[in-house]
Amino acid sequence: QVRYMVKLSKQAKIVIAIVTVVFVGVITGVVTWLILSGSSNRISSSAPVTSAPTTASPVTNAPVPTSAPILLFQVPVSSPPPIPVLTSSSYNVIHDWTGKDLYPDTNSDWVYFTDGDPTLGTVDYALGATSNLLKVQDDGSMKINIGSPEEVDSTQNLPAVRMYTADTYDHGLFIMKASHIPEGLGTWPAFWLTGVYDGSTSAAWACYGEIDIIEGVNSVDANTSKNKNSLHANVPSNGELCDQTGVTGIDSVYCGPTTKDSTGATCGCSGTEACPYNGCGLTNSDTESFGNGFNNNGGGLYACELTTDGKVTIWFFKNWEIPDDIESNTPNPDSWNTSKITADYNACPGQFQKLQLIINTCLCGQWAGAQFPDGLDENEKWTNCNAYVRSTDLTDKAYWMIEYVKVFQKPT
């Protein structure tokens, strides 16, 4: 009986050994399958995103297939890092002019205006183009000055600069950053856009419109340091006037004439419209937005957006308020502080086209001359303005100091 029990024990041992080998083999196979399965997941997760169908969900959000085996345990598989979402400005930089880039003598992007001043100012732009009035500074800024009375005789107009872009624009984002704008009695500086009139048609100013971004006159104190933005428009063929009804602070509802024909008139697309000298404007209440106040505060930046449907919006930023995306050439006006908008005009479809950017300094003329604050009879203001600028050296005040001018456009 003992010998039988021993015999049975040997048989049991054999059975146990066989079962152990089978069990270990099964476990080893399962573990190997899990490892290989996890490795496969990692490989497929690292495949380029572009290889996946456009309808596929991101890897991290992919649902578990219903046919997948249910396991009691699983080898941990690390998830791939999230795919970054690339963002870019909707505006592309077209021009980025700094320092010497603003020099018409060496850069064909800019052209000197050499005709007589259309505003009848006490300036000679042809003489200004040859008087070395533009100088690049050590910090890379461009200084644009006027001439001194000592350079001309007592009855001659002073050398000054009016320069414009060779390119024209129907839409875009136009920016100037400056540390100094011409100031002083008799000065009339402007940074603006106006249409090109080549004489091939009867079209005249302001058939293609005008947008004044920076403009003012006779800046000597806080009260005269408020920038004025203006639009000048025409009577379009479709009869849709540039109507600014509802715009807070606007000084005129219509930015141009209301009828196509006016006796003796020489402006507009027909050449017979009344000239929209006044246009429609908004004066900035900020006493550091122009001239003397702007300069004493270290300058700032102006941005003007013209959309394809003719909507004009203008911002003014002091140096510490300038959005980073402007400096990086990826501007997104939708993200800018709306409190910095100084002009938010109603859209005027078809009113603004073939526009050139212009930088100029006028002396006296139809605005600064007419508003010259000499306290004398109104009829003598302009005459006395002319006498003043012809006898007073304004070169230490009446200059631009421009860090850059930029133009951006959206793809069309």
Foldseek 3Di string as FASTA:
>chain_A
DVVVVVVVVVVVVVVVVVVVVVVVVVVVVVVVVQVVVLVVVVVVQPDDPVVDPPPDDRPVPHDDDPPDDDDPDHDDHDHDDDDDDDDFFLKFFPDKDWAVCAQVVPHVQKDWDQDPDPLPFLEGSVVLNVPPQWDQDPVGWIKGFWAFLVVDDLPHRTYWTKMWGPAFDLWWKKKFFFQAAFEAAQKWWWKWKAADDPPPALAAPRQQKIWTFFIFHHHDDLVRQWTKIFIAWAQDPVRQFQAQPPWPQKPDGTQYDNDHADPPAQHYGNRHGHGSPPGIMHIGNGSCNGAPNVNVQRHWMKMWGADQQAWIWIFTGRPVQDDPCVVVSRDDVVPHDPVRIRGGGDGDGPTHTNMMIMTIMGGQGPPSQQPRPPVDDSVCSNVVSSSVRSPDTSRVRNMITTRIMIIIDRDD
